[in-house]
Amino acid sequence: MLFLTLYQIVDYLINIIVFVVIVQFVLGLLIAFNVVNMHNQFVSAVYTALNAILEPMLRPIRRIMPNTGAIDFSPMVLIIGLTILQIILANLARAYA
């Protein structure tokens, strides 16, 4: 029962992280295509906060991955890794339930 509760908490946190990664990606695209401007204080604050939250998770992935030029695949690798972790924890929770 305790493991199932811990799994649900970790699963919820992983879902939040995946959502933040997607929001950062979309905001980065909007900034790159000049739809929103970084001179706007709100946009700048949100983008800086998202980068501060995600950089500790993305930095090790960027160090391992080869340089692909302008395209950064580390958010996709992070989402895939977190999804694999969710699957493993779900199977463990079912095994101990």
C-alpha atoms as a PDB file:
ATOM      1  CA  MET A   1       0.000   0.000   0.000  1.00  0.00           C
ATOM      2  CA  LEU A   2       2.828   2.392   0.847  1.00  0.00           C
ATOM      3  CA  PHE A   3       4.591   1.636  -2.430  1.00  0.00           C
ATOM      4  CA  LEU A   4       1.408   2.376  -4.377  1.00  0.00           C
ATOM      5  CA  THR A   5       1.079   5.732  -2.627  1.00  0.00           C
ATOM      6  CA  LEU A   6       4.708   6.588  -3.345  1.00  0.00           C
ATOM      7  CA  TYR A   7       4.208   5.554  -6.961  1.00  0.00           C
ATOM      8  CA  GLN A   8       1.198   7.853  -7.295  1.00  0.00           C
ATOM      9  CA  ILE A   9       3.159  10.787  -5.870  1.00  0.00           C
ATOM     10  CA  VAL A  10       6.141  10.174  -8.166  1.00  0.00           C
ATOM     11  CA  ASP A  11       3.808   9.663 -11.125  1.00  0.00           C
ATOM     12  CA  TYR A  12       2.132  13.010 -10.435  1.00  0.00           C
ATOM     13  CA  LEU A  13       5.507  14.775 -10.180  1.00  0.00           C
ATOM     14  CA  ILE A  14       6.679  13.189 -13.438  1.00  0.00           C
ATOM     15  CA  ASN A  15       3.517  14.389 -15.176  1.00  0.00           C
ATOM     16  CA  ILE A  16       4.183  17.922 -13.925  1.00  0.00           C
ATOM     17  CA  ILE A  17       7.774  17.804 -15.212  1.00  0.00           C
ATOM     18  CA  VAL A  18       6.626  16.553 -18.627  1.00  0.00           C
ATOM     19  CA  PHE A  19       4.064  19.382 -18.776  1.00  0.00           C
ATOM     20  CA  VAL A  20       6.749  21.960 -17.892  1.00  0.00           C
ATOM     21  CA  VAL A  21       9.048  20.552 -20.611  1.00  0.00           C
ATOM     22  CA  ILE A  22       6.268  20.872 -23.195  1.00  0.00           C
ATOM     23  CA  VAL A  23       5.448  24.437 -22.089  1.00  0.00           C
ATOM     24  CA  GLN A  24       9.140  25.392 -22.305  1.00  0.00           C
ATOM     25  CA  PHE A  25       9.374  23.852 -25.786  1.00  0.00           C
ATOM     26  CA  VAL A  26       6.297  25.697 -27.065  1.00  0.00           C
ATOM     27  CA  LEU A  27       7.423  28.980 -25.516  1.00  0.00           C
ATOM     28  CA  GLY A  28      10.868  28.516 -27.056  1.00  0.00           C
ATOM     29  CA  LEU A  29       9.274  28.013 -30.476  1.00  0.00           C
ATOM     30  CA  LEU A  30       7.121  31.116 -30.034  1.00  0.00           C
ATOM     31  CA  ILE A  31      10.221  33.113 -29.114  1.00  0.00           C
ATOM     32  CA  ALA A  32      12.258  31.668 -31.998  1.00  0.00           C
ATOM     33  CA  PHE A  33       9.586  32.540 -34.550  1.00  0.00           C
ATOM     34  CA  ASN A  34       9.169  35.997 -32.988  1.00  0.00           C
ATOM     35  CA  VAL A  35       5.529  35.453 -32.047  1.00  0.00           C
ATOM     36  CA  VAL A  36       6.257  36.603 -28.509  1.00  0.00           C
ATOM     37  CA  ASN A  37       9.042  38.978 -27.605  1.00  0.00           C
ATOM     38  CA  MET A  38      11.669  38.436 -24.904  1.00  0.00           C
ATOM     39  CA  HIS A  39      11.533  42.186 -24.185  1.00  0.00           C
ATOM     40  CA  ASN A  40       8.162  41.524 -22.532  1.00  0.00           C
ATOM     41  CA  GLN A  41       8.959  41.130 -18.826  1.00  0.00           C
ATOM     42  CA  PHE A  42       6.348  38.427 -18.234  1.00  0.00           C
ATOM     43  CA  VAL A  43       7.560  36.270 -21.131  1.00  0.00           C
ATOM     44  CA  SER A  44      11.163  36.754 -20.078  1.00  0.00           C
ATOM     45  CA  ALA A  45      10.392  35.846 -16.455  1.00  0.00           C
ATOM     46  CA  VAL A  46       8.415  32.729 -17.399  1.00  0.00           C
ATOM     47  CA  TYR A  47      11.073  31.509 -19.844  1.00  0.00           C
ATOM     48  CA  THR A  48      13.880  32.169 -17.354  1.00  0.00           C
ATOM     49  CA  ALA A  49      11.981  30.328 -14.599  1.00  0.00           C
ATOM     50  CA  LEU A  50      11.268  27.338 -16.844  1.00  0.00           C
ATOM     51  CA  ASN A  51      14.917  27.167 -17.870  1.00  0.00           C
ATOM     52  CA  ALA A  52      16.022  27.360 -14.222  1.00  0.00           C
ATOM     53  CA  ILE A  53      13.685  24.491 -13.322  1.00  0.00           C
ATOM     54  CA  LEU A  54      14.602  22.229 -16.239  1.00  0.00           C
ATOM     55  CA  GLU A  55      18.307  22.968 -16.720  1.00  0.00           C
ATOM     56  CA  PRO A  56      19.499  20.631 -13.902  1.00  0.00           C
ATOM     57  CA  MET A  57      17.629  17.762 -15.589  1.00  0.00           C
ATOM     58  CA  LEU A  58      18.588  18.630 -19.158  1.00  0.00           C
ATOM     59  CA  ARG A  59      22.289  19.438 -18.620  1.00  0.00           C
ATOM     60  CA  PRO A  60      23.430  15.811 -18.035  1.00  0.00           C
ATOM     61  CA  ILE A  61      21.483  14.682 -21.105  1.00  0.00           C
ATOM     62  CA  ARG A  62      23.077  17.424 -23.221  1.00  0.00           C
ATOM     63  CA  ARG A  63      26.543  16.333 -22.059  1.00  0.00           C
ATOM     64  CA  ILE A  64      25.925  12.734 -23.153  1.00  0.00           C
ATOM     65  CA  MET A  65      24.164  13.437 -26.454  1.00  0.00           C
ATOM     66  CA  PRO A  66      26.146  14.346 -29.577  1.00  0.00           C
ATOM     67  CA  ASN A  67      25.916  17.901 -30.890  1.00  0.00           C
ATOM     68  CA  THR A  68      23.085  18.102 -33.427  1.00  0.00           C
ATOM     69  CA  GLY A  69      23.468  21.770 -34.280  1.00  0.00           C
ATOM     70  CA  ALA A  70      20.490  24.034 -33.800  1.00  0.00           C
ATOM     71  CA  ILE A  71      18.085  21.238 -32.779  1.00  0.00           C
ATOM     72  CA  ASP A  72      18.076  20.274 -29.104  1.00  0.00           C
ATOM     73  CA  PHE A  73      16.772  16.746 -28.572  1.00  0.00           C
ATOM     74  CA  SER A  74      17.401  16.690 -24.810  1.00  0.00           C
ATOM     75  CA  PRO A  75      13.782  17.589 -23.850  1.00  0.00           C
ATOM     76  CA  MET A  76      12.530  14.669 -25.947  1.00  0.00           C
ATOM     77  CA  VAL A  77      15.070  12.331 -24.327  1.00  0.00           C
ATOM     78  CA  LEU A  78      13.988  13.578 -20.887  1.00  0.00           C
ATOM     79  CA  ILE A  79      10.314  12.924 -21.659  1.00  0.00           C
ATOM     80  CA  ILE A  80      11.105   9.431 -22.990  1.00  0.00           C
ATOM     81  CA  GLY A  81      13.221   8.658 -19.922  1.00  0.00           C
ATOM     82  CA  LEU A  82      10.530   9.858 -17.546  1.00  0.00           C
ATOM     83  CA  THR A  83       7.902   7.818 -19.389  1.00  0.00           C
ATOM     84  CA  ILE A  84      10.072   4.702 -19.116  1.00  0.00           C
ATOM     85  CA  LEU A  85      10.477   5.418 -15.395  1.00  0.00           C
ATOM     86  CA  GLN A  86       6.686   5.698 -15.056  1.00  0.00           C
ATOM     87  CA  ILE A  87       6.207   2.334 -16.767  1.00  0.00           C
ATOM     88  CA  ILE A  88       8.781   0.645 -14.534  1.00  0.00           C
ATOM     89  CA  LEU A  89       7.296   2.124 -11.363  1.00  0.00           C
ATOM     90  CA  ALA A  90       3.745   1.215 -12.439  1.00  0.00           C
ATOM     91  CA  ASN A  91       4.771  -2.409 -12.967  1.00  0.00           C
ATOM     92  CA  LEU A  92       6.536  -2.474  -9.597  1.00  0.00           C
ATOM     93  CA  ALA A  93       3.484  -0.957  -7.899  1.00  0.00           C
ATOM     94  CA  ARG A  94       1.263  -3.627  -9.448  1.00  0.00           C
ATOM     95  CA  ALA A  95       3.675  -6.377  -8.407  1.00  0.00           C
ATOM     96  CA  TYR A  96       3.702  -5.242  -4.766  1.00  0.00           C
ATOM     97  CA  ALA A  97      -0.005  -4.466  -4.564  1.00  0.00           C
END
